[in-house]
Amino acid sequence: MPKPSAKRSTTSSSRRISGQSTFWHANGRVSKMAQEEARLARLSNAQRHAEEAFRDMPDNDSAIFDNPLTDILDGTTLADISHAGEDFNAAGAADAPVSNEALWQALRDSHNILYGRRRDFRTRRDRTQAIVDGFKLQMEAITDAYMDWSLKSKDQGMGAMLQADPDEMVLNHLPLVVIDVFSAYEAEVPMFARDKFVASGLMNLGLVPCSPYGPTVAITIRALEIFRVTSLRYPRLGIQPYMRALCDIHGVPFRTYLSSQFSVAFDVYLATLAAVEKRIQKALGLVMFKARLQALSPPGRALGLAGRAGPAHGPGRA
């Protein structure tokens, strides 16, 4: 039995009548305008207001949408350029909306605005004075911390690193590069609630920072003490040969900035020893005695006493 042929619906070609598109429907000709009115009648008030608000939005909301570099700068579009700065499609290079030079200039300007480096007008003297002033405000706390460390390490000696008390409350950990005599390593140094400053907290652990605020490198006291004692026996020994020797021991190439960092830490260490010496003399009553002796002595003798004044003790003798 032959199957009945499927009924094929025929539609008339669309045409324009009074500016409206029409098509054939089973019930007759229905305009799109009537369908749109029926759809709007089914919408709620909230939906109708939202649709009207969407239609009222301007076509050109901001000039940024007209910028061809916007999608490239925010990372949504890949720039068709190579590492050499040439277009992958050389044939369409002339039709490209933006040249490579303009693209790189826009990227450079955007980077300078976001991550521009402030020009530093300070001189070397200004930077050095800023470091001196920063440590000067913390010297009392640094001296107290050094005397505490010296008292705690008198039995263990300088060869053993002190461990923090587990009962103390740790506020945070400071990432540092610690330079020792036979090793240089990265460590998370704990900062405790009792520490007044970062420098005093490091000094309490046997470390001397290379910067008064936010240090990234610290040198152990025993590395500084070895250089101090050796330079007293051999005054011609300089900081750079000593740092070169440490770099050879550590197996790393020498860098000039290492000498600058060691110089800052060594100055802080010597200032701490001088402050400890003054406290010892004051506690023993030697300050007034030396002042009276200098007043009664001849001028040359007084100058000789003044020239010999200074720190004469090492760590663990405070």
Foldseek 3Di string as FASTA:
>chain_A
DDDDDDDDDDKDDWDADPNWTWIADPVGIDTVVVVVVVVVVPDDPVVVVVVVVVVPQDPPNDCLVVDPCNCVVVVNDDDQADPVQDGPDNVCQVVDPDHSVRNVVVVVVVCCVVPNDDDDPDDPVVVVVVQVVLVVVCLVLLLVLLVLLLVVCLVVPLVDWDDDDPVFDFDFWAWAFEQEQQETDIDGHTDTPPRPAPQSRQSNRQWGFLGSPRGRYTYGNVLLQVVVVVCVVPVVDDLVVSVCVSCVSHVHDDDPVVSSSSVSRNVSVQVSLQVVVVVVCVVVVNVVVLVVVLVPDPVVVNVVVVVPDGRDDDRNPD
